[in-house]
Amino acid sequence: MKFLKHDIPALDRNMDNFVRQGYFGGATDHYQLYGENLFYYDINSLYPFAMLKDMPVVPAGFQNHISQEDLVRGNFFGFCLANIECPKDIAIPLLPHRDYQGGKVYYPTGK
């Protein structure tokens, strides 16, 4: 703890539950690998590196509307509850969804 420059603030229970809904374990895929004259890179210590980056820990309140312009320009820094539409013909859906009753994580398409 002596390396910290300031105290780490704690979120209240409601905010903590909201933020945790967006955390998922890493998705894994298997691909048949083939290539010629390739370079392979491995990333070590990515977790400590990420921990040095800013996190939105001071609740600024809830916003009812965040414009696409704010997201594109990088004016927004925080967590969002959003309605997302993923194309139905996408080969590998990107956003996970947890089925809280079954405990499984899915990568759905559509809304």
N, C-alpha and C. Protein backbone atom coordinates (compact mmCIF):
# COMPACT_ATOMS: atom_id res chain seq x y z
N MET A 1 0.82 -1.21 0.00
CA MET A 1 0.00 0.00 0.00
C MET A 1 0.85 1.26 0.00
N LYS A 2 2.11 1.16 0.26
CA LYS A 2 2.95 2.34 0.36
C LYS A 2 3.21 2.98 -1.00
N PHE A 3 2.94 2.26 -2.09
CA PHE A 3 3.16 2.84 -3.41
C PHE A 3 1.99 3.69 -3.88
N LEU A 4 0.84 3.60 -3.20
CA LEU A 4 -0.34 4.36 -3.61
C LEU A 4 -0.15 5.84 -3.30
N LYS A 5 -0.56 6.68 -4.25
CA LYS A 5 -0.45 8.12 -4.06
C LYS A 5 -1.67 8.70 -3.34
N HIS A 6 -2.76 7.91 -3.30
CA HIS A 6 -3.99 8.36 -2.64
C HIS A 6 -4.79 7.13 -2.25
N ASP A 7 -5.79 7.34 -1.42
CA ASP A 7 -6.65 6.23 -1.01
C ASP A 7 -7.51 5.79 -2.18
N ILE A 8 -7.87 4.52 -2.17
CA ILE A 8 -8.76 3.98 -3.20
C ILE A 8 -10.19 4.11 -2.68
N PRO A 9 -11.03 4.90 -3.34
CA PRO A 9 -12.41 5.04 -2.87
C PRO A 9 -13.21 3.77 -3.11
N ALA A 10 -14.19 3.54 -2.27
CA ALA A 10 -15.05 2.36 -2.40
C ALA A 10 -16.41 2.80 -2.91
N LEU A 11 -16.99 1.98 -3.78
CA LEU A 11 -18.33 2.24 -4.29
C LEU A 11 -19.36 1.73 -3.29
N ASP A 12 -20.53 2.38 -3.25
CA ASP A 12 -21.59 1.85 -2.40
C ASP A 12 -22.13 0.57 -3.04
N ARG A 13 -22.93 -0.17 -2.33
CA ARG A 13 -23.38 -1.50 -2.76
C ARG A 13 -24.13 -1.45 -4.10
N ASN A 14 -25.03 -0.49 -4.28
CA ASN A 14 -25.80 -0.41 -5.52
C ASN A 14 -24.90 -0.12 -6.72
N MET A 15 -24.01 0.83 -6.57
CA MET A 15 -23.10 1.17 -7.66
C MET A 15 -22.16 0.00 -7.95
N ASP A 16 -21.67 -0.66 -6.92
CA ASP A 16 -20.79 -1.80 -7.10
C ASP A 16 -21.50 -2.92 -7.85
N ASN A 17 -22.73 -3.22 -7.49
CA ASN A 17 -23.50 -4.26 -8.19
C ASN A 17 -23.71 -3.90 -9.65
N PHE A 18 -23.99 -2.63 -9.92
CA PHE A 18 -24.18 -2.17 -11.30
C PHE A 18 -22.91 -2.37 -12.12
N VAL A 19 -21.78 -1.96 -11.57
CA VAL A 19 -20.51 -2.05 -12.29
C VAL A 19 -20.12 -3.50 -12.51
N ARG A 20 -20.34 -4.36 -11.54
CA ARG A 20 -19.95 -5.77 -11.66
C ARG A 20 -20.73 -6.51 -12.73
N GLN A 21 -21.90 -6.03 -13.09
CA GLN A 21 -22.67 -6.68 -14.15
C GLN A 21 -21.94 -6.62 -15.49
N GLY A 22 -21.02 -5.68 -15.64
CA GLY A 22 -20.29 -5.53 -16.89
C GLY A 22 -18.98 -6.29 -16.95
N TYR A 23 -18.64 -7.02 -15.89
CA TYR A 23 -17.37 -7.75 -15.88
C TYR A 23 -17.61 -9.21 -16.26
N PHE A 24 -16.81 -9.68 -17.19
CA PHE A 24 -16.89 -11.06 -17.66
C PHE A 24 -15.48 -11.61 -17.76
N GLY A 25 -15.38 -12.92 -17.65
CA GLY A 25 -14.09 -13.56 -17.92
C GLY A 25 -13.79 -13.48 -19.40
N GLY A 26 -12.58 -13.77 -19.76
CA GLY A 26 -12.18 -13.70 -21.16
C GLY A 26 -12.84 -14.78 -22.01
N ALA A 27 -13.24 -14.41 -23.20
CA ALA A 27 -13.80 -15.38 -24.15
C ALA A 27 -12.64 -16.12 -24.81
N THR A 28 -12.86 -17.38 -25.09
CA THR A 28 -11.82 -18.16 -25.75
C THR A 28 -12.36 -18.71 -27.06
N ASP A 29 -11.54 -18.72 -28.06
CA ASP A 29 -11.87 -19.27 -29.37
C ASP A 29 -10.72 -20.14 -29.82
N HIS A 30 -11.01 -21.04 -30.71
CA HIS A 30 -9.97 -21.90 -31.27
C HIS A 30 -9.93 -21.67 -32.77
N TYR A 31 -8.75 -21.45 -33.30
CA TYR A 31 -8.57 -21.23 -34.72
C TYR A 31 -7.50 -22.18 -35.23
N GLN A 32 -7.65 -22.62 -36.45
CA GLN A 32 -6.61 -23.40 -37.10
C GLN A 32 -5.55 -22.41 -37.56
N LEU A 33 -4.38 -22.48 -36.96
CA LEU A 33 -3.34 -21.51 -37.25
C LEU A 33 -2.46 -21.96 -38.40
N TYR A 34 -2.19 -21.03 -39.29
CA TYR A 34 -1.25 -21.27 -40.37
C TYR A 34 -0.71 -19.93 -40.83
N GLY A 35 0.54 -19.88 -41.13
CA GLY A 35 1.12 -18.66 -41.66
C GLY A 35 2.58 -18.87 -42.00
N GLU A 36 3.09 -17.99 -42.78
CA GLU A 36 4.50 -18.02 -43.14
C GLU A 36 5.11 -16.66 -42.82
N ASN A 37 6.35 -16.68 -42.36
CA ASN A 37 7.06 -15.45 -41.99
C ASN A 37 6.27 -14.62 -40.98
N LEU A 38 5.79 -15.26 -39.93
CA LEU A 38 4.98 -14.58 -38.91
C LEU A 38 5.83 -14.21 -37.70
N PHE A 39 5.36 -13.22 -36.97
CA PHE A 39 5.94 -12.85 -35.69
C PHE A 39 4.88 -13.11 -34.63
N TYR A 40 5.27 -13.74 -33.53
CA TYR A 40 4.36 -14.01 -32.44
C TYR A 40 4.74 -13.12 -31.27
N TYR A 41 3.75 -12.51 -30.65
CA TYR A 41 3.98 -11.63 -29.52
C TYR A 41 3.20 -12.14 -28.32
N ASP A 42 3.81 -12.04 -27.16
CA ASP A 42 3.16 -12.42 -25.92
C ASP A 42 3.20 -11.19 -25.01
N ILE A 43 2.10 -10.95 -24.33
CA ILE A 43 2.03 -9.79 -23.44
C ILE A 43 2.14 -10.29 -22.00
N ASN A 44 3.17 -9.86 -21.31
CA ASN A 44 3.36 -10.21 -19.91
C ASN A 44 2.97 -9.03 -19.04
N SER A 45 2.46 -9.33 -17.88
CA SER A 45 2.13 -8.32 -16.87
C SER A 45 1.11 -7.32 -17.36
N LEU A 46 0.11 -7.77 -18.12
CA LEU A 46 -0.92 -6.86 -18.61
C LEU A 46 -1.82 -6.39 -17.46
N TYR A 47 -2.07 -7.25 -16.48
CA TYR A 47 -2.92 -6.85 -15.36
C TYR A 47 -2.31 -5.70 -14.56
N PRO A 48 -1.04 -5.78 -14.14
CA PRO A 48 -0.46 -4.63 -13.42
C PRO A 48 -0.44 -3.37 -14.28
N PHE A 49 -0.20 -3.53 -15.57
CA PHE A 49 -0.21 -2.37 -16.46
C PHE A 49 -1.59 -1.71 -16.47
N ALA A 50 -2.64 -2.53 -16.56
CA ALA A 50 -4.01 -2.01 -16.58
C ALA A 50 -4.36 -1.34 -15.25
N MET A 51 -3.82 -1.84 -14.16
CA MET A 51 -4.11 -1.27 -12.85
C MET A 51 -3.52 0.12 -12.67
N LEU A 52 -2.57 0.50 -13.50
CA LEU A 52 -1.99 1.84 -13.43
C LEU A 52 -2.85 2.87 -14.15
N LYS A 53 -3.81 2.41 -14.95
CA LYS A 53 -4.68 3.31 -15.71
C LYS A 53 -5.83 3.80 -14.84
N ASP A 54 -6.39 4.94 -15.20
CA ASP A 54 -7.52 5.50 -14.45
C ASP A 54 -8.73 4.60 -14.54
N MET A 55 -9.51 4.60 -13.46
CA MET A 55 -10.80 3.92 -13.42
C MET A 55 -11.82 4.91 -12.88
N PRO A 56 -13.03 4.87 -13.39
CA PRO A 56 -14.07 5.78 -12.88
C PRO A 56 -14.59 5.27 -11.54
N VAL A 57 -14.02 5.78 -10.45
CA VAL A 57 -14.41 5.29 -9.13
C VAL A 57 -15.22 6.30 -8.32
N VAL A 58 -15.18 7.55 -8.68
CA VAL A 58 -15.96 8.55 -7.96
C VAL A 58 -17.29 8.70 -8.68
N PRO A 59 -18.39 8.25 -8.07
CA PRO A 59 -19.69 8.33 -8.76
C PRO A 59 -20.06 9.77 -9.09
N ALA A 60 -20.28 10.00 -10.37
CA ALA A 60 -20.67 11.34 -10.83
C ALA A 60 -22.17 11.42 -11.00
N GLY A 61 -22.87 10.36 -10.69
CA GLY A 61 -24.31 10.33 -10.86
C GLY A 61 -24.69 9.65 -12.15
N PHE A 62 -25.98 9.52 -12.35
CA PHE A 62 -26.48 8.86 -13.54
C PHE A 62 -26.88 9.89 -14.58
N GLN A 63 -26.53 9.60 -15.82
CA GLN A 63 -26.91 10.45 -16.95
C GLN A 63 -28.03 9.74 -17.72
N ASN A 64 -29.07 10.45 -18.05
CA ASN A 64 -30.17 9.85 -18.81
C ASN A 64 -29.88 9.78 -20.30
N HIS A 65 -28.94 10.60 -20.77
CA HIS A 65 -28.65 10.61 -22.21
C HIS A 65 -27.17 10.92 -22.42
N ILE A 66 -26.52 10.06 -23.18
CA ILE A 66 -25.14 10.28 -23.58
C ILE A 66 -25.14 10.24 -25.10
N SER A 67 -24.68 11.31 -25.72
CA SER A 67 -24.74 11.38 -27.18
C SER A 67 -23.64 10.54 -27.81
N GLN A 68 -23.87 10.14 -29.05
CA GLN A 68 -22.86 9.40 -29.80
C GLN A 68 -21.61 10.26 -29.97
N GLU A 69 -21.81 11.56 -30.08
CA GLU A 69 -20.69 12.50 -30.22
C GLU A 69 -19.79 12.45 -28.98
N ASP A 70 -20.40 12.37 -27.78
CA ASP A 70 -19.62 12.27 -26.55
C ASP A 70 -18.77 11.00 -26.55
N LEU A 71 -19.35 9.92 -27.04
CA LEU A 71 -18.61 8.65 -27.06
C LEU A 71 -17.48 8.68 -28.09
N VAL A 72 -17.75 9.24 -29.26
CA VAL A 72 -16.75 9.28 -30.32
C VAL A 72 -15.59 10.20 -29.94
N ARG A 73 -15.89 11.34 -29.36
CA ARG A 73 -14.85 12.31 -28.98
C ARG A 73 -14.12 11.94 -27.70
N GLY A 74 -14.62 10.94 -27.00
CA GLY A 74 -13.97 10.54 -25.76
C GLY A 74 -14.32 11.43 -24.59
N ASN A 75 -15.46 12.13 -24.64
CA ASN A 75 -15.87 13.01 -23.56
C ASN A 75 -16.51 12.25 -22.40
N PHE A 76 -16.81 10.98 -22.60
CA PHE A 76 -17.45 10.19 -21.56
C PHE A 76 -16.44 9.23 -20.96
N PHE A 77 -16.39 9.16 -19.63
CA PHE A 77 -15.51 8.23 -18.94
C PHE A 77 -16.31 7.62 -17.79
N GLY A 78 -16.72 6.38 -17.94
CA GLY A 78 -17.52 5.75 -16.90
C GLY A 78 -18.13 4.46 -17.39
N PHE A 79 -19.19 4.05 -16.72
CA PHE A 79 -19.90 2.82 -17.04
C PHE A 79 -21.28 3.17 -17.56
N CYS A 80 -21.78 2.40 -18.53
CA CYS A 80 -23.08 2.66 -19.15
C CYS A 80 -23.97 1.44 -19.10
N LEU A 81 -25.23 1.68 -18.94
CA LEU A 81 -26.26 0.68 -19.19
C LEU A 81 -26.86 1.08 -20.52
N ALA A 82 -26.66 0.26 -21.54
CA ALA A 82 -27.02 0.66 -22.90
C ALA A 82 -27.82 -0.41 -23.61
N ASN A 83 -28.65 0.01 -24.53
CA ASN A 83 -29.33 -0.91 -25.44
C ASN A 83 -28.46 -1.04 -26.68
N ILE A 84 -28.06 -2.26 -26.99
CA ILE A 84 -27.13 -2.52 -28.08
C ILE A 84 -27.81 -3.41 -29.11
N GLU A 85 -27.55 -3.13 -30.38
CA GLU A 85 -28.03 -4.00 -31.45
C GLU A 85 -26.82 -4.53 -32.20
N CYS A 86 -26.67 -5.85 -32.19
CA CYS A 86 -25.57 -6.53 -32.85
C CYS A 86 -26.12 -7.13 -34.15
N PRO A 87 -25.45 -6.94 -35.28
CA PRO A 87 -25.95 -7.49 -36.54
C PRO A 87 -26.16 -9.00 -36.45
N LYS A 88 -27.26 -9.48 -37.01
CA LYS A 88 -27.57 -10.91 -36.95
C LYS A 88 -26.64 -11.75 -37.80
N ASP A 89 -25.98 -11.14 -38.80
CA ASP A 89 -25.12 -11.91 -39.69
C ASP A 89 -23.64 -11.82 -39.32
N ILE A 90 -23.32 -11.29 -38.15
CA ILE A 90 -21.93 -11.17 -37.74
C ILE A 90 -21.37 -12.56 -37.40
N ALA A 91 -20.14 -12.83 -37.80
CA ALA A 91 -19.55 -14.15 -37.60
C ALA A 91 -19.23 -14.42 -36.13
N ILE A 92 -18.67 -13.44 -35.45
CA ILE A 92 -18.29 -13.60 -34.04
C ILE A 92 -18.86 -12.42 -33.26
N PRO A 93 -20.00 -12.61 -32.58
CA PRO A 93 -20.58 -11.51 -31.79
C PRO A 93 -19.60 -11.05 -30.71
N LEU A 94 -19.64 -9.76 -30.41
CA LEU A 94 -18.62 -9.16 -29.55
C LEU A 94 -19.02 -8.99 -28.09
N LEU A 95 -20.29 -8.72 -27.82
CA LEU A 95 -20.68 -8.35 -26.47
C LEU A 95 -21.30 -9.52 -25.71
N PRO A 96 -20.79 -9.82 -24.51
CA PRO A 96 -21.34 -10.93 -23.74
C PRO A 96 -22.62 -10.54 -23.00
N HIS A 97 -23.42 -11.55 -22.71
CA HIS A 97 -24.64 -11.38 -21.91
C HIS A 97 -24.71 -12.56 -20.95
N ARG A 98 -24.90 -12.27 -19.67
CA ARG A 98 -24.96 -13.34 -18.67
C ARG A 98 -26.41 -13.69 -18.37
N ASP A 99 -26.70 -14.98 -18.45
CA ASP A 99 -28.00 -15.50 -18.03
C ASP A 99 -27.88 -15.76 -16.53
N TYR A 100 -28.45 -14.88 -15.72
CA TYR A 100 -28.26 -14.98 -14.28
C TYR A 100 -28.94 -16.19 -13.68
N GLN A 101 -29.98 -16.72 -14.32
CA GLN A 101 -30.65 -17.90 -13.77
C GLN A 101 -29.84 -19.16 -14.06
N GLY A 102 -29.27 -19.25 -15.27
CA GLY A 102 -28.50 -20.42 -15.63
C GLY A 102 -27.02 -20.26 -15.36
N GLY A 103 -26.56 -19.02 -15.18
CA GLY A 103 -25.17 -18.77 -14.89
C GLY A 103 -24.25 -18.82 -16.10
N LYS A 104 -24.81 -18.98 -17.30
CA LYS A 104 -23.97 -19.08 -18.49
C LYS A 104 -23.82 -17.72 -19.16
N VAL A 105 -22.76 -17.59 -19.93
CA VAL A 105 -22.50 -16.37 -20.68
C VAL A 105 -22.68 -16.67 -22.16
N TYR A 106 -23.47 -15.82 -22.82
CA TYR A 106 -23.76 -15.97 -24.24
C TYR A 106 -23.25 -14.74 -25.00
N TYR A 107 -23.04 -14.89 -26.28
CA TYR A 107 -22.67 -13.79 -27.16
C TYR A 107 -23.76 -13.69 -28.22
N PRO A 108 -24.87 -13.05 -27.89
CA PRO A 108 -26.02 -13.05 -28.80
C PRO A 108 -25.91 -12.03 -29.93
N THR A 109 -26.78 -12.22 -30.91
CA THR A 109 -26.95 -11.23 -31.97
C THR A 109 -28.35 -10.62 -31.81
N GLY A 110 -28.62 -9.54 -32.50
CA GLY A 110 -29.90 -8.85 -32.39
C GLY A 110 -29.87 -7.85 -31.26
N LYS A 111 -31.06 -7.49 -30.75
CA LYS A 111 -31.15 -6.50 -29.67
C LYS A 111 -31.08 -7.17 -28.33
